[in-house]
C-alpha atoms as a PDB file:
ATOM      1  CA  MET A   1     103.950  92.391 106.088  1.00  0.00           C
ATOM      2  CA  ASN A   2     102.950  91.465 102.528  1.00  0.00           C
ATOM      3  CA  ILE A   3     101.861  94.579 100.616  1.00  0.00           C
ATOM      4  CA  LEU A   4     100.373  94.353  97.133  1.00  0.00           C
ATOM      5  CA  VAL A   5      99.867  97.365  94.870  1.00  0.00           C
ATOM      6  CA  GLY A   6      97.603  97.560  91.847  1.00  0.00           C
ATOM      7  CA  CYS A   7      95.987 100.323  89.814  1.00  0.00           C
ATOM      8  CA  ASP A   8      93.179 101.062  87.362  1.00  0.00           C
ATOM      9  CA  PRO A   9      94.076 104.171  85.339  1.00  0.00           C
ATOM     10  CA  GLU A  10      91.740 105.777  82.818  1.00  0.00           C
ATOM     11  CA  LEU A  11      92.916 107.273  79.530  1.00  0.00           C
ATOM     12  CA  PHE A  12      91.312 109.254  76.740  1.00  0.00           C
ATOM     13  CA  VAL A  13      91.481 108.694  73.017  1.00  0.00           C
ATOM     14  CA  LYS A  14      92.036 111.199  70.242  1.00  0.00           C
ATOM     15  CA  LYS A  15      91.435 110.968  66.525  1.00  0.00           C
ATOM     16  CA  ASN A  16      93.089 113.529  64.264  1.00  0.00           C
ATOM     17  CA  GLY A  17      94.053 115.494  67.358  1.00  0.00           C
ATOM     18  CA  THR A  18      90.503 115.725  68.771  1.00  0.00           C
ATOM     19  CA  PHE A  19      89.142 113.943  71.832  1.00  0.00           C
ATOM     20  CA  VAL A  20      86.548 111.330  70.914  1.00  0.00           C
ATOM     21  CA  SER A  21      84.469 108.950  72.995  1.00  0.00           C
ATOM     22  CA  ALA A  22      85.884 105.501  73.719  1.00  0.00           C
ATOM     23  CA  HIS A  23      82.379 104.048  73.801  1.00  0.00           C
ATOM     24  CA  GLY A  24      82.351 100.755  71.900  1.00  0.00           C
ATOM     25  CA  LEU A  25      86.036 100.855  70.955  1.00  0.00           C
ATOM     26  CA  ILE A  26      87.130  97.756  72.871  1.00  0.00           C
ATOM     27  CA  PRO A  27      85.445  94.853  74.675  1.00  0.00           C
ATOM     28  CA  GLY A  28      84.960  94.958  78.423  1.00  0.00           C
ATOM     29  CA  ASP A  29      82.993  97.158  80.795  1.00  0.00           C
ATOM     30  CA  LYS A  30      82.753  97.837  84.528  1.00  0.00           C
ATOM     31  CA  LEU A  31      80.863  94.630  85.225  1.00  0.00           C
ATOM     32  CA  ASN A  32      82.826  92.460  82.811  1.00  0.00           C
ATOM     33  CA  PRO A  33      86.401  93.659  82.171  1.00  0.00           C
ATOM     34  CA  MET A  34      88.221  91.845  79.379  1.00  0.00           C
ATOM     35  CA  LYS A  35      91.031  89.748  80.855  1.00  0.00           C
ATOM     36  CA  VAL A  36      94.417  90.183  79.196  1.00  0.00           C
ATOM     37  CA  PRO A  37      97.893  89.055  80.307  1.00  0.00           C
ATOM     38  CA  ASN A  38      98.818  90.784  83.596  1.00  0.00           C
ATOM     39  CA  GLY A  39      95.500  92.593  83.954  1.00  0.00           C
ATOM     40  CA  ALA A  40      92.295  93.570  82.170  1.00  0.00           C
ATOM     41  CA  VAL A  41      90.897  96.300  79.908  1.00  0.00           C
ATOM     42  CA  GLN A  42      87.504  97.925  79.502  1.00  0.00           C
ATOM     43  CA  VAL A  43      85.556 100.960  78.392  1.00  0.00           C
ATOM     44  CA  ASP A  44      84.674 103.337  81.215  1.00  0.00           C
ATOM     45  CA  GLY A  45      82.129 105.868  80.015  1.00  0.00           C
ATOM     46  CA  MET A  46      83.903 107.975  77.399  1.00  0.00           C
ATOM     47  CA  ALA A  47      87.367 106.781  78.408  1.00  0.00           C
ATOM     48  CA  LEU A  48      89.391 103.596  78.274  1.00  0.00           C
ATOM     49  CA  GLU A  49      90.492 101.911  81.461  1.00  0.00           C
ATOM     50  CA  PHE A  50      92.901  99.159  82.367  1.00  0.00           C
ATOM     51  CA  ASN A  51      93.768  97.402  85.571  1.00  0.00           C
ATOM     52  CA  ILE A  52      96.764  95.306  86.499  1.00  0.00           C
ATOM     53  CA  ASP A  53      97.362  92.181  88.504  1.00  0.00           C
ATOM     54  CA  PRO A  54      98.589  93.270  91.943  1.00  0.00           C
ATOM     55  CA  ALA A  55     102.353  93.550  92.278  1.00  0.00           C
ATOM     56  CA  SER A  56     104.638  92.951  95.229  1.00  0.00           C
ATOM     57  CA  SER A  57     107.694  94.682  93.746  1.00  0.00           C
ATOM     58  CA  GLU A  58     108.531  97.909  91.967  1.00  0.00           C
ATOM     59  CA  GLU A  59     109.751  96.039  88.896  1.00  0.00           C
ATOM     60  CA  GLN A  60     106.604  93.910  88.640  1.00  0.00           C
ATOM     61  CA  PHE A  61     104.374  96.948  89.059  1.00  0.00           C
ATOM     62  CA  LEU A  62     106.163  98.778  86.234  1.00  0.00           C
ATOM     63  CA  PHE A  63     106.050  95.725  83.979  1.00  0.00           C
ATOM     64  CA  ASN A  64     102.350  95.098  84.565  1.00  0.00           C
ATOM     65  CA  VAL A  65     101.404  98.734  83.956  1.00  0.00           C
ATOM     66  CA  LYS A  66     103.382  99.028  80.714  1.00  0.00           C
ATOM     67  CA  ASP A  67     102.375  95.613  79.417  1.00  0.00           C
ATOM     68  CA  VAL A  68      98.626  96.048  79.900  1.00  0.00           C
ATOM     69  CA  LEU A  69      98.736  99.642  78.653  1.00  0.00           C
ATOM     70  CA  ASN A  70     100.501  98.540  75.472  1.00  0.00           C
ATOM     71  CA  THR A  71      97.963  95.756  74.992  1.00  0.00           C
ATOM     72  CA  MET A  72      95.150  98.289  75.243  1.00  0.00           C
ATOM     73  CA  LYS A  73      96.826 100.725  72.846  1.00  0.00           C
ATOM     74  CA  ASN A  74      97.247  97.950  70.280  1.00  0.00           C
ATOM     75  CA  MET A  75      93.504  97.344  70.409  1.00  0.00           C
ATOM     76  CA  VAL A  76      92.832 100.847  69.029  1.00  0.00           C
ATOM     77  CA  PRO A  77      95.611 101.258  66.431  1.00  0.00           C
ATOM     78  CA  ASP A  78      93.897 104.156  64.668  1.00  0.00           C
ATOM     79  CA  MET A  79      93.562 106.182  67.851  1.00  0.00           C
ATOM     80  CA  GLU A  80      95.978 108.126  70.023  1.00  0.00           C
ATOM     81  CA  VAL A  81      95.686 107.022  73.638  1.00  0.00           C
ATOM     82  CA  VAL A  82      96.612 109.890  75.960  1.00  0.00           C
ATOM     83  CA  ALA A  83      97.173 110.147  79.705  1.00  0.00           C
ATOM     84  CA  SER A  84      95.455 113.506  80.062  1.00  0.00           C
ATOM     85  CA  PRO A  85      93.710 114.213  83.390  1.00  0.00           C
ATOM     86  CA  VAL A  86      90.928 116.120  81.583  1.00  0.00           C
ATOM     87  CA  ALA A  87      89.238 115.916  78.197  1.00  0.00           C
ATOM     88  CA  HIS A  88      86.892 118.556  76.786  1.00  0.00           C
ATOM     89  CA  PHE A  89      84.409 117.379  74.176  1.00  0.00           C
ATOM     90  CA  ASP A  90      82.513 119.414  71.628  1.00  0.00           C
ATOM     91  CA  LYS A  91      79.032 119.946  73.105  1.00  0.00           C
ATOM     92  CA  LYS A  92      77.157 118.860  69.975  1.00  0.00           C
ATOM     93  CA  TYR A  93      79.302 115.737  69.729  1.00  0.00           C
ATOM     94  CA  PHE A  94      78.878 115.066  73.464  1.00  0.00           C
ATOM     95  CA  ASP A  95      75.093 115.276  73.184  1.00  0.00           C
ATOM     96  CA  THR A  96      75.071 112.541  70.521  1.00  0.00           C
ATOM     97  CA  GLN A  97      76.688 110.007  72.862  1.00  0.00           C
ATOM     98  CA  PRO A  98      74.546 107.242  74.396  1.00  0.00           C
ATOM     99  CA  GLU A  99      73.401 107.950  77.917  1.00  0.00           C
ATOM    100  CA  GLU A 100      75.227 104.948  79.364  1.00  0.00           C
ATOM    101  CA  SER A 101      78.540 106.424  78.209  1.00  0.00           C
ATOM    102  CA  LYS A 102      77.852 109.673  80.084  1.00  0.00           C
ATOM    103  CA  VAL A 103      76.986 108.171  83.458  1.00  0.00           C
ATOM    104  CA  LEU A 104      79.407 109.087  86.256  1.00  0.00           C
ATOM    105  CA  GLY A 105      80.095 107.543  89.618  1.00  0.00           C
ATOM    106  CA  CYS A 106      78.124 104.290  89.595  1.00  0.00           C
ATOM    107  CA  ASP A 107      79.378 103.432  93.089  1.00  0.00           C
ATOM    108  CA  PRO A 108      79.899 105.978  95.865  1.00  0.00           C
ATOM    109  CA  ASP A 109      83.314 106.976  97.106  1.00  0.00           C
ATOM    110  CA  TYR A 110      84.207 108.600 100.390  1.00  0.00           C
ATOM    111  CA  ASP A 111      86.076 111.477 101.997  1.00  0.00           C
ATOM    112  CA  ALA A 112      88.591 110.094 104.505  1.00  0.00           C
ATOM    113  CA  TRP A 113      88.930 113.433 106.271  1.00  0.00           C
ATOM    114  CA  GLN A 114      85.258 114.274 106.685  1.00  0.00           C
ATOM    115  CA  MET A 115      84.181 110.601 106.920  1.00  0.00           C
ATOM    116  CA  ARG A 116      81.267 111.055 104.579  1.00  0.00           C
ATOM    117  CA  THR A 117      80.139 110.088 101.091  1.00  0.00           C
ATOM    118  CA  ASN A 118      81.349 112.350  98.284  1.00  0.00           C
ATOM    119  CA  GLU A 119      78.761 114.059  96.109  1.00  0.00           C
ATOM    120  CA  LYS A 120      78.314 112.821  92.542  1.00  0.00           C
ATOM    121  CA  PRO A 121      79.445 115.291  89.853  1.00  0.00           C
ATOM    122  CA  ASP A 122      77.231 116.744  87.133  1.00  0.00           C
ATOM    123  CA  CYS A 123      77.257 114.251  84.260  1.00  0.00           C
ATOM    124  CA  ASN A 124      75.872 116.772  81.744  1.00  0.00           C
ATOM    125  CA  ILE A 125      79.055 118.840  81.518  1.00  0.00           C
ATOM    126  CA  PRO A 126      80.927 118.008  78.263  1.00  0.00           C
ATOM    127  CA  MET A 127      84.155 117.484  80.160  1.00  0.00           C
ATOM    128  CA  ARG A 128      85.470 114.253  81.570  1.00  0.00           C
ATOM    129  CA  THR A 129      88.328 113.443  83.926  1.00  0.00           C
ATOM    130  CA  ALA A 130      90.728 110.510  84.055  1.00  0.00           C
ATOM    131  CA  SER A 131      92.184 109.145  87.244  1.00  0.00           C
ATOM    132  CA  GLY A 132      95.087 106.943  88.232  1.00  0.00           C
ATOM    133  CA  HIS A 133      93.612 105.105  91.206  1.00  0.00           C
ATOM    134  CA  VAL A 134      95.994 103.060  93.322  1.00  0.00           C
ATOM    135  CA  HIS A 135      94.813  99.836  94.981  1.00  0.00           C
ATOM    136  CA  ILE A 136      96.615  98.650  98.092  1.00  0.00           C
ATOM    137  CA  GLY A 137      96.274  95.204  99.605  1.00  0.00           C
ATOM    138  CA  TRP A 138      97.449  94.277 103.094  1.00  0.00           C
ATOM    139  CA  THR A 139      94.598  92.010 104.205  1.00  0.00           C
ATOM    140  CA  GLU A 140      91.930  89.769 102.677  1.00  0.00           C
ATOM    141  CA  ASN A 141      88.283  88.812 102.932  1.00  0.00           C
ATOM    142  CA  GLN A 142      87.321  91.963 104.802  1.00  0.00           C
ATOM    143  CA  ILE A 143      83.669  93.015 104.770  1.00  0.00           C
ATOM    144  CA  ILE A 144      83.767  96.449 103.148  1.00  0.00           C
ATOM    145  CA  GLU A 145      80.784  97.646 105.212  1.00  0.00           C
ATOM    146  CA  ASP A 146      82.552  96.711 108.444  1.00  0.00           C
ATOM    147  CA  HIS A 147      83.032  99.850 110.541  1.00  0.00           C
ATOM    148  CA  ASP A 148      86.497  98.987 111.839  1.00  0.00           C
ATOM    149  CA  HIS A 149      87.772  98.181 108.345  1.00  0.00           C
ATOM    150  CA  PHE A 150      86.259 101.406 106.990  1.00  0.00           C
ATOM    151  CA  VAL A 151      88.007 103.445 109.691  1.00  0.00           C
ATOM    152  CA  THR A 152      91.350 101.737 109.017  1.00  0.00           C
ATOM    153  CA  CYS A 153      90.963 102.433 105.280  1.00  0.00           C
ATOM    154  CA  ALA A 154      90.241 106.099 105.983  1.00  0.00           C
ATOM    155  CA  GLU A 155      93.306 106.391 108.223  1.00  0.00           C
ATOM    156  CA  VAL A 156      95.500 104.751 105.560  1.00  0.00           C
ATOM    157  CA  VAL A 157      94.161 107.130 102.915  1.00  0.00           C
ATOM    158  CA  ARG A 158      94.925 110.189 105.043  1.00  0.00           C
ATOM    159  CA  GLU A 159      98.539 109.020 105.154  1.00  0.00           C
ATOM    160  CA  LEU A 160      98.537 108.414 101.395  1.00  0.00           C
ATOM    161  CA  ASP A 161      97.524 112.042 100.962  1.00  0.00           C
ATOM    162  CA  TYR A 162     100.837 112.990 102.591  1.00  0.00           C
ATOM    163  CA  TYR A 163     102.995 110.582 100.602  1.00  0.00           C
ATOM    164  CA  LEU A 164     101.246 110.590  97.210  1.00  0.00           C
ATOM    165  CA  GLY A 165      98.758 113.454  97.191  1.00  0.00           C
ATOM    166  CA  LEU A 166     101.095 116.264  98.235  1.00  0.00           C
ATOM    167  CA  ALA A 167     103.915 115.100  95.961  1.00  0.00           C
ATOM    168  CA  SER A 168     101.563 114.743  92.977  1.00  0.00           C
ATOM    169  CA  LEU A 169     101.113 118.516  92.953  1.00  0.00           C
ATOM    170  CA  GLN A 170     104.735 118.801  91.863  1.00  0.00           C
ATOM    171  CA  PHE A 171     104.265 116.854  88.597  1.00  0.00           C
ATOM    172  CA  ASP A 172     100.522 117.097  87.882  1.00  0.00           C
ATOM    173  CA  GLU A 173      99.776 120.562  86.522  1.00  0.00           C
ATOM    174  CA  ASP A 174      96.036 120.020  86.026  1.00  0.00           C
ATOM    175  CA  GLN A 175      93.681 122.033  88.243  1.00  0.00           C
ATOM    176  CA  GLU A 176      90.348 121.129  86.603  1.00  0.00           C
ATOM    177  CA  ARG A 177      89.899 117.469  87.479  1.00  0.00           C
ATOM    178  CA  ARG A 178      89.138 118.000  91.147  1.00  0.00           C
ATOM    179  CA  SER A 179      86.029 120.004  90.244  1.00  0.00           C
ATOM    180  CA  MET A 180      84.558 116.584  89.440  1.00  0.00           C
ATOM    181  CA  TYR A 181      86.735 113.904  91.034  1.00  0.00           C
ATOM    182  CA  GLY A 182      89.860 113.217  93.042  1.00  0.00           C
ATOM    183  CA  LYS A 183      89.832 115.565  95.999  1.00  0.00           C
ATOM    184  CA  GLY A 184      92.122 114.854  98.922  1.00  0.00           C
ATOM    185  CA  GLY A 185      91.153 111.793 100.943  1.00  0.00           C
ATOM    186  CA  CYS A 186      89.034 110.213  98.214  1.00  0.00           C
ATOM    187  CA  PHE A 187      88.747 106.409  98.622  1.00  0.00           C
ATOM    188  CA  ARG A 188      86.744 103.223  98.487  1.00  0.00           C
ATOM    189  CA  PRO A 189      87.208 100.385 100.999  1.00  0.00           C
ATOM    190  CA  LYS A 190      87.995  97.013  99.457  1.00  0.00           C
ATOM    191  CA  SER A 191      87.981  93.469 100.816  1.00  0.00           C
ATOM    192  CA  TYR A 192      91.776  93.342 100.373  1.00  0.00           C
ATOM    193  CA  GLY A 193      92.524  96.871 101.602  1.00  0.00           C
ATOM    194  CA  VAL A 194      91.693 100.187  99.968  1.00  0.00           C
ATOM    195  CA  GLU A 195      91.446 102.080  96.685  1.00  0.00           C
ATOM    196  CA  TYR A 196      93.107 105.499  96.823  1.00  0.00           C
ATOM    197  CA  ARG A 197      91.241 107.745  94.356  1.00  0.00           C
ATOM    198  CA  THR A 198      92.969 111.123  94.654  1.00  0.00           C
ATOM    199  CA  LEU A 199      95.592 110.826  91.892  1.00  0.00           C
ATOM    200  CA  SER A 200      95.015 111.591  88.210  1.00  0.00           C
ATOM    201  CA  ASN A 201      96.609 109.544  85.433  1.00  0.00           C
ATOM    202  CA  ALA A 202      99.551 111.998  85.246  1.00  0.00           C
ATOM    203  CA  TRP A 203     101.888 109.472  86.896  1.00  0.00           C
ATOM    204  CA  LEU A 204     101.764 107.349  83.731  1.00  0.00           C
ATOM    205  CA  ALA A 205     104.025 109.914  82.054  1.00  0.00           C
ATOM    206  CA  SER A 206     107.279 108.089  82.804  1.00  0.00           C
ATOM    207  CA  ASP A 207     108.783 104.865  84.135  1.00  0.00           C
ATOM    208  CA  ASP A 208     110.258 106.822  87.028  1.00  0.00           C
ATOM    209  CA  LEU A 209     106.841 108.098  88.102  1.00  0.00           C
ATOM    210  CA  ILE A 210     105.275 104.652  87.801  1.00  0.00           C
ATOM    211  CA  LYS A 211     107.991 103.159  89.999  1.00  0.00           C
ATOM    212  CA  TRP A 212     107.656 106.083  92.406  1.00  0.00           C
ATOM    213  CA  VAL A 213     103.961 105.297  92.902  1.00  0.00           C
ATOM    214  CA  PHE A 214     104.740 101.741  93.971  1.00  0.00           C
ATOM    215  CA  ARG A 215     107.754 102.644  96.087  1.00  0.00           C
ATOM    216  CA  THR A 216     106.060 105.520  97.890  1.00  0.00           C
ATOM    217  CA  THR A 217     102.863 103.587  98.478  1.00  0.00           C
ATOM    218  CA  GLU A 218     104.794 100.699  99.998  1.00  0.00           C
ATOM    219  CA  THR A 219     106.761 103.072 102.253  1.00  0.00           C
ATOM    220  CA  CYS A 220     103.574 104.785 103.389  1.00  0.00           C
ATOM    221  CA  ILE A 221     101.802 101.553 104.293  1.00  0.00           C
ATOM    222  CA  LYS A 222     104.794 100.161 106.163  1.00  0.00           C
ATOM    223  CA  ASN A 223     105.177 103.393 108.121  1.00  0.00           C
ATOM    224  CA  PHE A 224     101.469 103.495 108.923  1.00  0.00           C
ATOM    225  CA  PHE A 225     101.289 100.002 110.334  1.00  0.00           C
ATOM    226  CA  SER A 226     104.504 100.528 112.295  1.00  0.00           C
ATOM    227  CA  GLY A 227     102.916 103.516 114.039  1.00  0.00           C
ATOM    228  CA  LYS A 228     104.327 106.508 112.122  1.00  0.00           C
ATOM    229  CA  ARG A 229     101.324 108.647 111.228  1.00  0.00           C
ATOM    230  CA  LEU A 230     101.737 112.134 109.822  1.00  0.00           C
ATOM    231  CA  GLN A 231      98.021 112.872 110.213  1.00  0.00           C
ATOM    232  CA  ASP A 232      98.553 112.964 113.974  1.00  0.00           C
ATOM    233  CA  LYS A 233     101.210 115.655 113.509  1.00  0.00           C
ATOM    234  CA  TYR A 234      99.703 117.892 110.809  1.00  0.00           C
ATOM    235  CA  GLY A 235      95.990 117.108 110.706  1.00  0.00           C
ATOM    236  CA  ASP A 236      93.747 117.605 107.675  1.00  0.00           C
ATOM    237  CA  ILE A 237      95.749 118.515 104.547  1.00  0.00           C
ATOM    238  CA  SER A 238      92.978 117.981 102.003  1.00  0.00           C
ATOM    239  CA  GLU A 239      92.671 121.714 101.328  1.00  0.00           C
ATOM    240  CA  ILE A 240      96.330 121.862 100.298  1.00  0.00           C
ATOM    241  CA  ILE A 241      95.655 119.187  97.691  1.00  0.00           C
ATOM    242  CA  ASN A 242      92.275 120.544  96.609  1.00  0.00           C
ATOM    243  CA  THR A 243      93.643 124.048  96.005  1.00  0.00           C
ATOM    244  CA  ASN A 244      96.870 122.834  94.355  1.00  0.00           C
ATOM    245  CA  ASN A 245      98.936 124.651  96.975  1.00  0.00           C
ATOM    246  CA  LYS A 246     102.402 123.513  95.923  1.00  0.00           C
ATOM    247  CA  GLU A 247     104.189 125.799  98.382  1.00  0.00           C
ATOM    248  CA  GLU A 248     102.428 124.426 101.474  1.00  0.00           C
ATOM    249  CA  ALA A 249     102.772 120.906 100.133  1.00  0.00           C
ATOM    250  CA  MET A 250     106.503 121.321  99.724  1.00  0.00           C
ATOM    251  CA  LYS A 251     106.909 122.586 103.278  1.00  0.00           C
ATOM    252  CA  ILE A 252     105.573 119.301 104.638  1.00  0.00           C
ATOM    253  CA  ILE A 253     107.426 117.222 102.046  1.00  0.00           C
ATOM    254  CA  GLN A 254     110.748 118.820 102.989  1.00  0.00           C
ATOM    255  CA  ALA A 255     110.070 118.741 106.735  1.00  0.00           C
ATOM    256  CA  GLU A 256     109.347 115.008 106.596  1.00  0.00           C
ATOM    257  CA  ASN A 257     111.894 114.181 103.881  1.00  0.00           C
ATOM    258  CA  LEU A 258     109.218 112.624 101.680  1.00  0.00           C
ATOM    259  CA  GLU A 259     110.152 111.453  98.206  1.00  0.00           C
ATOM    260  CA  VAL A 260     109.113 113.527  95.186  1.00  0.00           C
ATOM    261  CA  CYS A 261     109.481 112.479  91.548  1.00  0.00           C
ATOM    262  CA  TYR A 262     109.287 115.074  88.790  1.00  0.00           C
ATOM    263  CA  ALA A 263     110.142 113.040  85.685  1.00  0.00           C
END
């Protein structure tokens, strides 16, 4: 089975130690990302975002992530680009930003456990979150509205909660982001597979974590399509993720000998 893994992390920018809006800093937006070698870059609201060409190996995934990230950083040489899951902006400064930079959630995403559309967050709060979405391809030319494909995507995402979501609690200390985005089971179906939207950008902190994301994702997908499904054994674990319950997460991780990366 050919499995491809991509990603589209968001990052914040700081100037003189203070979070500032990325609006207008680089070319590219949601509708028209700017193509660069091995991926693309864009502004996403008040953050920067990059995506990578899908990778079929751990080494290629790491290379693509670091190469496109470095390209993006070089485009804003006077700014500090930070992989922080949350950024708080001064309210007066926030209110001066153009409305298009404050819009959240242009397209709906879904809850794989409850099988329903997630609610849009309040865009008037002067806090923004940054995610580290993982894109997984195992098929092609699927109709994203197709019921059977949607159900398969949801089942895959439930498994990813076990492999990626639970383990992320061990290295991602943030507890604010999920008040807006990234609860357990968060996803969007894609024509090539699925976008897993639960993780923050915290996995960009090290090469080991970046490689872990690819390796663990690949293991999860292979296990799923070979018939090994932890959701059938444990059921809904979204509350463990949503409440940052590291102790309960670790019980399942240890019982199933799942890989955790702390670096």
